[in-house]
Amino acid sequence: MPPAKKRKKRGYDSDKTRTAVLTQFAHVREAVAALTPGQLALPAGLGDWTVRELTAHLCMGVESVGRALEQPAPPVAEVGLPEWAFATAAVAVPISDDVKAYAASAEPAELFERTADRIAELLGDTPPGRLIGVRVGAMTLGDFLVTRAVELVVHTDDLNRAAGLDIPLDRQALAACTRLLADALAEKAPGASTEVRIPPYAVVQCVEGPRHTRGTPPNVVETDPVTWLRLATGRTTWAEALASAQVSASGERADLGGLLPVMS
């Protein structure tokens, strides 16, 4: 069997990504301003975090762009997409510690106001190729903004479920999140025997085995973007999604249970 072709790196429109991050951040900021003390004290469903700490994490994820831009540019890029998705688990503990300290430093509305003002000023006309240093290594600003879209979408969904909210997901931010997590699966399980479809945003081929060339692929997985982000980040399991008909899978190589989550 010939070796699988190397996957072409997906491109992201930097202007659209920047707008998506700022739009999703604004959606969250508006919702957080209306949260009651009782809602802020609810469990977030993420370890021992409360909703207050979850909102702090949402804010800190965007605030990290500003902090990175204030530092000198690193000499070379060390991490790209989708490798970032695999690197985050290693820094989960220090992130959690920082989130708790950040949440205790001010009221959520104040944190969001501060960050909104600062990020708009610092982003300005900064080119997407500008290198920045972040926890997992040096990245381009353009790539890091894609990761911010992922963080915002995933944790907005967490916040909606934890606090009973209905914060909208910006379409462009959701698209970036879906695509990056789909590409991470294809990177984790390279191959072309299984086609994973997440309409309307992404289609990837993955899993070793006979390569499909024409017609309907013999192994197909299909789901919606929100179910996909929950599967890819461990918010729901493969078995749960199958049982609730939120995912369809056909073919002997269409069981992704052993490959998920791709990011935790």
C-alpha atoms as a PDB file:
ATOM      1  CA  MET A   1       0.000   0.000   0.000  1.00  0.00           C
ATOM      2  CA  PRO A   2       1.503   3.397  -0.933  1.00  0.00           C
ATOM      3  CA  PRO A   3       2.138   5.748   1.977  1.00  0.00           C
ATOM      4  CA  ALA A   4      -0.568   8.302   2.698  1.00  0.00           C
ATOM      5  CA  LYS A   5       0.091  11.710   1.258  1.00  0.00           C
ATOM      6  CA  LYS A   6       1.139  14.372   3.736  1.00  0.00           C
ATOM      7  CA  ARG A   7      -1.808  16.548   4.637  1.00  0.00           C
ATOM      8  CA  LYS A   8      -1.719  20.084   3.368  1.00  0.00           C
ATOM      9  CA  LYS A   9      -1.810  22.651   6.163  1.00  0.00           C
ATOM     10  CA  ARG A  10      -5.186  24.353   6.367  1.00  0.00           C
ATOM     11  CA  GLY A  11      -5.212  28.103   5.966  1.00  0.00           C
ATOM     12  CA  TYR A  12      -7.261  30.549   8.032  1.00  0.00           C
ATOM     13  CA  ASP A  13      -8.281  34.057   7.032  1.00  0.00           C
ATOM     14  CA  SER A  14      -6.595  36.154   9.715  1.00  0.00           C
ATOM     15  CA  ASP A  15      -8.975  39.113   9.427  1.00  0.00           C
ATOM     16  CA  LYS A  16     -12.020  36.845   9.777  1.00  0.00           C
ATOM     17  CA  THR A  17     -10.449  34.999  12.695  1.00  0.00           C
ATOM     18  CA  ARG A  18      -9.625  38.239  14.493  1.00  0.00           C
ATOM     19  CA  THR A  19     -13.178  39.489  14.020  1.00  0.00           C
ATOM     20  CA  ALA A  20     -14.589  36.140  15.176  1.00  0.00           C
ATOM     21  CA  VAL A  21     -12.540  36.206  18.388  1.00  0.00           C
ATOM     22  CA  LEU A  22     -13.601  39.759  19.212  1.00  0.00           C
ATOM     23  CA  THR A  23     -17.253  39.009  18.365  1.00  0.00           C
ATOM     24  CA  GLN A  24     -17.402  35.860  20.490  1.00  0.00           C
ATOM     25  CA  PHE A  25     -15.648  37.648  23.346  1.00  0.00           C
ATOM     26  CA  ALA A  26     -18.275  40.412  23.152  1.00  0.00           C
ATOM     27  CA  HIS A  27     -21.088  37.820  23.282  1.00  0.00           C
ATOM     28  CA  VAL A  28     -19.594  36.301  26.426  1.00  0.00           C
ATOM     29  CA  ARG A  29     -18.891  39.669  28.010  1.00  0.00           C
ATOM     30  CA  GLU A  30     -22.533  40.714  27.652  1.00  0.00           C
ATOM     31  CA  ALA A  31     -23.767  37.476  29.220  1.00  0.00           C
ATOM     32  CA  VAL A  32     -21.258  37.524  32.076  1.00  0.00           C
ATOM     33  CA  ALA A  33     -22.302  41.066  33.046  1.00  0.00           C
ATOM     34  CA  ALA A  34     -25.803  39.757  33.777  1.00  0.00           C
ATOM     35  CA  LEU A  35     -24.804  36.733  35.883  1.00  0.00           C
ATOM     36  CA  THR A  36     -26.072  36.700  39.461  1.00  0.00           C
ATOM     37  CA  PRO A  37     -23.933  35.750  42.480  1.00  0.00           C
ATOM     38  CA  GLY A  38     -25.882  32.503  42.627  1.00  0.00           C
ATOM     39  CA  GLN A  39     -25.046  31.661  39.031  1.00  0.00           C
ATOM     40  CA  LEU A  40     -21.375  32.549  39.530  1.00  0.00           C
ATOM     41  CA  ALA A  41     -21.231  30.104  42.449  1.00  0.00           C
ATOM     42  CA  LEU A  42     -22.584  27.172  40.409  1.00  0.00           C
ATOM     43  CA  PRO A  43     -20.246  24.282  39.546  1.00  0.00           C
ATOM     44  CA  ALA A  44     -18.815  24.670  36.051  1.00  0.00           C
ATOM     45  CA  GLY A  45     -18.593  20.937  35.385  1.00  0.00           C
ATOM     46  CA  LEU A  46     -14.818  21.263  34.908  1.00  0.00           C
ATOM     47  CA  GLY A  47     -13.033  19.816  37.896  1.00  0.00           C
ATOM     48  CA  ASP A  48     -13.536  22.013  40.958  1.00  0.00           C
ATOM     49  CA  TRP A  49     -14.110  25.235  39.031  1.00  0.00           C
ATOM     50  CA  THR A  50     -17.147  27.370  39.673  1.00  0.00           C
ATOM     51  CA  VAL A  51     -18.863  29.400  36.973  1.00  0.00           C
ATOM     52  CA  ARG A  52     -16.926  32.432  38.275  1.00  0.00           C
ATOM     53  CA  GLU A  53     -13.666  30.637  37.526  1.00  0.00           C
ATOM     54  CA  LEU A  54     -14.927  29.494  34.141  1.00  0.00           C
ATOM     55  CA  THR A  55     -15.721  33.102  33.199  1.00  0.00           C
ATOM     56  CA  ALA A  56     -12.236  34.083  34.376  1.00  0.00           C
ATOM     57  CA  HIS A  57     -10.744  31.414  32.123  1.00  0.00           C
ATOM     58  CA  LEU A  58     -12.738  32.712  29.147  1.00  0.00           C
ATOM     59  CA  CYS A  59     -11.436  36.205  29.823  1.00  0.00           C
ATOM     60  CA  MET A  60      -7.878  35.113  30.531  1.00  0.00           C
ATOM     61  CA  GLY A  61      -7.724  33.233  27.233  1.00  0.00           C
ATOM     62  CA  VAL A  62      -8.194  36.480  25.318  1.00  0.00           C
ATOM     63  CA  GLU A  63      -6.172  38.551  27.759  1.00  0.00           C
ATOM     64  CA  SER A  64      -3.231  36.233  27.036  1.00  0.00           C
ATOM     65  CA  VAL A  65      -3.057  37.687  23.502  1.00  0.00           C
ATOM     66  CA  GLY A  66      -2.394  41.119  24.953  1.00  0.00           C
ATOM     67  CA  ARG A  67       0.219  39.853  27.389  1.00  0.00           C
ATOM     68  CA  ALA A  68       2.020  38.020  24.592  1.00  0.00           C
ATOM     69  CA  LEU A  69       2.042  41.066  22.313  1.00  0.00           C
ATOM     70  CA  GLU A  70       3.627  43.174  25.023  1.00  0.00           C
ATOM     71  CA  GLN A  71       6.663  40.868  25.106  1.00  0.00           C
ATOM     72  CA  PRO A  72       9.543  40.753  22.584  1.00  0.00           C
ATOM     73  CA  ALA A  73       8.955  38.466  19.622  1.00  0.00           C
ATOM     74  CA  PRO A  74      10.616  35.018  19.893  1.00  0.00           C
ATOM     75  CA  PRO A  75      13.192  34.176  17.192  1.00  0.00           C
ATOM     76  CA  VAL A  76      11.335  31.224  15.624  1.00  0.00           C
ATOM     77  CA  ALA A  77       7.925  29.542  15.685  1.00  0.00           C
ATOM     78  CA  GLU A  78       7.897  26.326  17.714  1.00  0.00           C
ATOM     79  CA  VAL A  79       4.244  25.249  17.639  1.00  0.00           C
ATOM     80  CA  GLY A  80       1.714  25.342  14.824  1.00  0.00           C
ATOM     81  CA  LEU A  81      -1.787  24.067  14.187  1.00  0.00           C
ATOM     82  CA  PRO A  82      -3.073  21.512  15.021  1.00  0.00           C
ATOM     83  CA  GLU A  83      -0.121  20.516  17.255  1.00  0.00           C
ATOM     84  CA  TRP A  84      -1.307  23.092  19.795  1.00  0.00           C
ATOM     85  CA  ALA A  85      -4.283  20.844  20.595  1.00  0.00           C
ATOM     86  CA  PHE A  86      -1.957  18.095  21.829  1.00  0.00           C
ATOM     87  CA  ALA A  87       0.226  20.429  23.894  1.00  0.00           C
ATOM     88  CA  THR A  88      -2.412  21.954  26.157  1.00  0.00           C
ATOM     89  CA  ALA A  89      -2.801  18.989  28.532  1.00  0.00           C
ATOM     90  CA  ALA A  90       0.760  19.438  29.766  1.00  0.00           C
ATOM     91  CA  VAL A  91       0.006  22.947  31.043  1.00  0.00           C
ATOM     92  CA  ALA A  92      -3.448  22.253  32.523  1.00  0.00           C
ATOM     93  CA  VAL A  93      -2.344  22.472  36.170  1.00  0.00           C
ATOM     94  CA  PRO A  94      -0.569  25.859  35.991  1.00  0.00           C
ATOM     95  CA  ILE A  95      -3.470  27.222  33.911  1.00  0.00           C
ATOM     96  CA  SER A  96      -5.951  26.144  36.585  1.00  0.00           C
ATOM     97  CA  ASP A  97      -3.858  27.759  39.325  1.00  0.00           C
ATOM     98  CA  ASP A  98      -3.633  31.009  37.371  1.00  0.00           C
ATOM     99  CA  VAL A  99      -7.372  30.977  36.627  1.00  0.00           C
ATOM    100  CA  LYS A 100      -8.241  30.761  40.318  1.00  0.00           C
ATOM    101  CA  ALA A 101      -5.945  33.665  41.168  1.00  0.00           C
ATOM    102  CA  TYR A 102      -7.287  35.700  38.244  1.00  0.00           C
ATOM    103  CA  ALA A 103     -10.906  35.017  39.243  1.00  0.00           C
ATOM    104  CA  ALA A 104     -10.199  36.243  42.769  1.00  0.00           C
ATOM    105  CA  SER A 105      -8.515  39.443  41.577  1.00  0.00           C
ATOM    106  CA  ALA A 106     -11.658  41.323  40.470  1.00  0.00           C
ATOM    107  CA  GLU A 107     -15.323  40.944  39.591  1.00  0.00           C
ATOM    108  CA  PRO A 108     -15.981  39.225  36.237  1.00  0.00           C
ATOM    109  CA  ALA A 109     -17.448  42.320  34.589  1.00  0.00           C
ATOM    110  CA  GLU A 110     -14.338  44.327  35.496  1.00  0.00           C
ATOM    111  CA  LEU A 111     -12.010  41.654  34.105  1.00  0.00           C
ATOM    112  CA  PHE A 112     -13.894  41.583  30.803  1.00  0.00           C
ATOM    113  CA  GLU A 113     -14.008  45.380  30.516  1.00  0.00           C
ATOM    114  CA  ARG A 114     -10.272  45.676  31.125  1.00  0.00           C
ATOM    115  CA  THR A 115      -9.449  42.978  28.603  1.00  0.00           C
ATOM    116  CA  ALA A 116     -11.809  44.304  25.922  1.00  0.00           C
ATOM    117  CA  ASP A 117     -10.180  47.738  26.021  1.00  0.00           C
ATOM    118  CA  ARG A 118      -6.636  46.374  26.022  1.00  0.00           C
ATOM    119  CA  ILE A 119      -7.035  43.760  23.296  1.00  0.00           C
ATOM    120  CA  ALA A 120      -8.623  46.197  20.857  1.00  0.00           C
ATOM    121  CA  GLU A 121      -5.694  48.587  21.344  1.00  0.00           C
ATOM    122  CA  LEU A 122      -2.923  45.984  21.175  1.00  0.00           C
ATOM    123  CA  LEU A 123      -4.224  44.005  18.199  1.00  0.00           C
ATOM    124  CA  GLY A 124      -4.649  47.059  16.019  1.00  0.00           C
ATOM    125  CA  ASP A 125      -2.768  46.465  12.774  1.00  0.00           C
ATOM    126  CA  THR A 126      -0.384  43.832  14.175  1.00  0.00           C
ATOM    127  CA  PRO A 127       0.409  41.437  11.306  1.00  0.00           C
ATOM    128  CA  PRO A 128      -0.706  37.796  11.694  1.00  0.00           C
ATOM    129  CA  GLY A 129       2.859  36.606  11.103  1.00  0.00           C
ATOM    130  CA  ARG A 130       4.143  38.357  14.235  1.00  0.00           C
ATOM    131  CA  LEU A 131       5.656  35.715  16.549  1.00  0.00           C
ATOM    132  CA  ILE A 132       4.504  35.580  20.165  1.00  0.00           C
ATOM    133  CA  GLY A 133       5.541  33.485  23.130  1.00  0.00           C
ATOM    134  CA  VAL A 134       2.752  31.479  24.786  1.00  0.00           C
ATOM    135  CA  ARG A 135       2.657  28.655  27.329  1.00  0.00           C
ATOM    136  CA  VAL A 136       3.153  25.841  24.834  1.00  0.00           C
ATOM    137  CA  GLY A 137       5.854  27.566  22.762  1.00  0.00           C
ATOM    138  CA  ALA A 138       6.270  30.320  20.201  1.00  0.00           C
ATOM    139  CA  MET A 139       3.471  30.694  17.633  1.00  0.00           C
ATOM    140  CA  THR A 140       2.409  33.193  15.019  1.00  0.00           C
ATOM    141  CA  LEU A 141      -0.270  35.626  16.133  1.00  0.00           C
ATOM    142  CA  GLY A 142      -2.529  34.329  13.355  1.00  0.00           C
ATOM    143  CA  ASP A 143      -2.308  30.752  14.639  1.00  0.00           C
ATOM    144  CA  PHE A 144      -2.747  31.826  18.249  1.00  0.00           C
ATOM    145  CA  LEU A 145      -5.934  33.701  17.376  1.00  0.00           C
ATOM    146  CA  VAL A 146      -7.324  30.487  15.890  1.00  0.00           C
ATOM    147  CA  THR A 147      -6.630  28.780  19.218  1.00  0.00           C
ATOM    148  CA  ARG A 148      -8.423  31.645  20.984  1.00  0.00           C
ATOM    149  CA  ALA A 149     -11.473  30.979  18.814  1.00  0.00           C
ATOM    150  CA  VAL A 150     -11.344  27.329  19.912  1.00  0.00           C
ATOM    151  CA  GLU A 151     -11.061  28.237  23.585  1.00  0.00           C
ATOM    152  CA  LEU A 152     -13.881  30.764  23.366  1.00  0.00           C
ATOM    153  CA  VAL A 153     -16.268  28.418  21.560  1.00  0.00           C
ATOM    154  CA  VAL A 154     -15.572  25.373  23.737  1.00  0.00           C
ATOM    155  CA  HIS A 155     -15.880  27.314  26.985  1.00  0.00           C
ATOM    156  CA  THR A 156     -18.889  29.337  25.847  1.00  0.00           C
ATOM    157  CA  ASP A 157     -20.608  25.979  25.376  1.00  0.00           C
ATOM    158  CA  ASP A 158     -19.445  24.976  28.881  1.00  0.00           C
ATOM    159  CA  LEU A 159     -20.835  28.223  30.294  1.00  0.00           C
ATOM    160  CA  ASN A 160     -24.166  27.790  28.537  1.00  0.00           C
ATOM    161  CA  ARG A 161     -24.623  24.342  30.041  1.00  0.00           C
ATOM    162  CA  ALA A 162     -23.348  25.234  33.515  1.00  0.00           C
ATOM    163  CA  ALA A 163     -25.372  28.422  33.993  1.00  0.00           C
ATOM    164  CA  GLY A 164     -28.412  27.675  31.815  1.00  0.00           C
ATOM    165  CA  LEU A 165     -27.532  30.376  29.270  1.00  0.00           C
ATOM    166  CA  ASP A 166     -27.943  30.670  25.524  1.00  0.00           C
ATOM    167  CA  ILE A 167     -24.883  32.675  24.478  1.00  0.00           C
ATOM    168  CA  PRO A 168     -24.645  32.542  20.673  1.00  0.00           C
ATOM    169  CA  LEU A 169     -21.644  30.958  18.969  1.00  0.00           C
ATOM    170  CA  ASP A 170     -20.181  33.171  16.275  1.00  0.00           C
ATOM    171  CA  ARG A 171     -20.301  31.264  12.982  1.00  0.00           C
ATOM    172  CA  GLN A 172     -16.698  32.004  12.011  1.00  0.00           C
ATOM    173  CA  ALA A 173     -15.416  31.124  15.479  1.00  0.00           C
ATOM    174  CA  LEU A 174     -17.356  27.851  15.443  1.00  0.00           C
ATOM    175  CA  ALA A 175     -15.984  27.070  11.980  1.00  0.00           C
ATOM    176  CA  ALA A 176     -12.386  27.617  13.134  1.00  0.00           C
ATOM    177  CA  CYS A 177     -12.959  25.475  16.212  1.00  0.00           C
ATOM    178  CA  THR A 178     -14.513  22.659  14.191  1.00  0.00           C
ATOM    179  CA  ARG A 179     -11.740  22.652  11.600  1.00  0.00           C
ATOM    180  CA  LEU A 180      -8.840  22.772  14.017  1.00  0.00           C
ATOM    181  CA  LEU A 181     -10.215  19.887  16.091  1.00  0.00           C
ATOM    182  CA  ALA A 182     -10.970  17.860  12.953  1.00  0.00           C
ATOM    183  CA  ASP A 183      -7.425  18.433  11.694  1.00  0.00           C
ATOM    184  CA  ALA A 184      -6.096  17.355  15.092  1.00  0.00           C
ATOM    185  CA  LEU A 185      -7.927  14.036  14.722  1.00  0.00           C
ATOM    186  CA  ALA A 186      -6.454  13.554  11.240  1.00  0.00           C
ATOM    187  CA  GLU A 187      -3.000  14.344  12.649  1.00  0.00           C
ATOM    188  CA  LYS A 188      -3.482  11.898  15.530  1.00  0.00           C
ATOM    189  CA  ALA A 189      -4.755   9.077  13.311  1.00  0.00           C
ATOM    190  CA  PRO A 190      -3.254   9.617   9.850  1.00  0.00           C
ATOM    191  CA  GLY A 191      -4.732   7.666   6.981  1.00  0.00           C
ATOM    192  CA  ALA A 192      -7.549   7.773   4.466  1.00  0.00           C
ATOM    193  CA  SER A 193      -9.845   4.853   5.249  1.00  0.00           C
ATOM    194  CA  THR A 194     -12.417   6.861   7.219  1.00  0.00           C
ATOM    195  CA  GLU A 195     -14.115  10.109   6.307  1.00  0.00           C
ATOM    196  CA  VAL A 196     -15.279  12.356   9.144  1.00  0.00           C
ATOM    197  CA  ARG A 197     -17.881  14.895   8.115  1.00  0.00           C
ATOM    198  CA  ILE A 198     -18.885  17.861  10.270  1.00  0.00           C
ATOM    199  CA  PRO A 199     -21.130  19.917   8.004  1.00  0.00           C
ATOM    200  CA  PRO A 200     -21.025  22.673   7.037  1.00  0.00           C
ATOM    201  CA  TYR A 201     -17.462  23.319   8.209  1.00  0.00           C
ATOM    202  CA  ALA A 202     -15.128  20.360   7.839  1.00  0.00           C
ATOM    203  CA  VAL A 203     -14.420  17.029   6.171  1.00  0.00           C
ATOM    204  CA  VAL A 204     -11.239  15.097   6.964  1.00  0.00           C
ATOM    205  CA  GLN A 205      -9.903  11.664   6.159  1.00  0.00           C
ATOM    206  CA  CYS A 206      -8.117   9.669   8.822  1.00  0.00           C
ATOM    207  CA  VAL A 207      -7.344   6.178  10.198  1.00  0.00           C
ATOM    208  CA  GLU A 208      -4.964   3.726   8.553  1.00  0.00           C
ATOM    209  CA  GLY A 209      -6.431   1.222   6.110  1.00  0.00           C
ATOM    210  CA  PRO A 210      -7.484   0.865   2.490  1.00  0.00           C
ATOM    211  CA  ARG A 211      -7.498   4.222   0.787  1.00  0.00           C
ATOM    212  CA  HIS A 212     -10.832   5.381  -0.642  1.00  0.00           C
ATOM    213  CA  THR A 213     -10.653   6.784  -4.184  1.00  0.00           C
ATOM    214  CA  ARG A 214     -14.164   7.225  -5.583  1.00  0.00           C
ATOM    215  CA  GLY A 215     -17.854   7.001  -4.737  1.00  0.00           C
ATOM    216  CA  THR A 216     -19.216   6.797  -1.209  1.00  0.00           C
ATOM    217  CA  PRO A 217     -16.465   6.028   1.316  1.00  0.00           C
ATOM    218  CA  PRO A 218     -16.867   2.645   3.073  1.00  0.00           C
ATOM    219  CA  ASN A 219     -16.301   4.216   6.510  1.00  0.00           C
ATOM    220  CA  VAL A 220     -18.135   7.436   7.311  1.00  0.00           C
ATOM    221  CA  VAL A 221     -18.674   9.387  10.520  1.00  0.00           C
ATOM    222  CA  GLU A 222     -20.957  12.410  10.554  1.00  0.00           C
ATOM    223  CA  THR A 223     -22.013  14.778  13.297  1.00  0.00           C
ATOM    224  CA  ASP A 224     -22.835  18.428  13.934  1.00  0.00           C
ATOM    225  CA  PRO A 225     -20.243  21.026  15.000  1.00  0.00           C
ATOM    226  CA  VAL A 226     -21.283  21.339  18.661  1.00  0.00           C
ATOM    227  CA  THR A 227     -21.392  17.576  19.178  1.00  0.00           C
ATOM    228  CA  TRP A 228     -18.000  17.373  17.489  1.00  0.00           C
ATOM    229  CA  LEU A 229     -16.372  19.934  19.775  1.00  0.00           C
ATOM    230  CA  ARG A 230     -17.794  18.065  22.787  1.00  0.00           C
ATOM    231  CA  LEU A 231     -16.452  14.747  21.499  1.00  0.00           C
ATOM    232  CA  ALA A 232     -13.073  16.175  20.557  1.00  0.00           C
ATOM    233  CA  THR A 233     -12.572  17.778  23.985  1.00  0.00           C
ATOM    234  CA  GLY A 234     -14.030  15.002  26.127  1.00  0.00           C
ATOM    235  CA  ARG A 235     -17.229  16.776  27.106  1.00  0.00           C
ATOM    236  CA  THR A 236     -19.180  13.776  25.863  1.00  0.00           C
ATOM    237  CA  THR A 237     -18.145  10.235  24.982  1.00  0.00           C
ATOM    238  CA  TRP A 238     -18.377   8.384  21.694  1.00  0.00           C
ATOM    239  CA  ALA A 239     -20.819   5.883  23.244  1.00  0.00           C
ATOM    240  CA  GLU A 240     -23.057   8.663  24.566  1.00  0.00           C
ATOM    241  CA  ALA A 241     -23.133  10.465  21.216  1.00  0.00           C
ATOM    242  CA  LEU A 242     -23.984   7.242  19.374  1.00  0.00           C
ATOM    243  CA  ALA A 243     -26.713   6.304  21.856  1.00  0.00           C
ATOM    244  CA  SER A 244     -28.361   9.716  21.535  1.00  0.00           C
ATOM    245  CA  ALA A 245     -28.088   9.662  17.711  1.00  0.00           C
ATOM    246  CA  GLN A 246     -25.932  12.789  17.747  1.00  0.00           C
ATOM    247  CA  VAL A 247     -23.374  11.007  15.604  1.00  0.00           C
ATOM    248  CA  SER A 248     -23.777   8.467  12.814  1.00  0.00           C
ATOM    249  CA  ALA A 249     -21.074   5.937  11.975  1.00  0.00           C
ATOM    250  CA  SER A 250     -20.989   3.319   9.237  1.00  0.00           C
ATOM    251  CA  GLY A 251     -18.215   0.891   8.340  1.00  0.00           C
ATOM    252  CA  GLU A 252     -15.836  -1.306  10.309  1.00  0.00           C
ATOM    253  CA  ARG A 253     -13.297   1.515  10.681  1.00  0.00           C
ATOM    254  CA  ALA A 254     -15.820   4.161  11.728  1.00  0.00           C
ATOM    255  CA  ASP A 255     -15.471   3.645  15.487  1.00  0.00           C
ATOM    256  CA  LEU A 256     -13.578   6.698  16.774  1.00  0.00           C
ATOM    257  CA  GLY A 257     -14.051   5.856  20.450  1.00  0.00           C
ATOM    258  CA  GLY A 258     -10.414   4.916  20.952  1.00  0.00           C
ATOM    259  CA  LEU A 259      -9.167   8.134  19.323  1.00  0.00           C
ATOM    260  CA  LEU A 260     -11.239  10.629  21.298  1.00  0.00           C
ATOM    261  CA  PRO A 261     -10.811  13.068  22.833  1.00  0.00           C
ATOM    262  CA  VAL A 262      -8.118  14.705  20.740  1.00  0.00           C
ATOM    263  CA  MET A 263      -7.772  17.605  23.178  1.00  0.00           C
ATOM    264  CA  SER A 264      -8.258  17.464  26.926  1.00  0.00           C
END
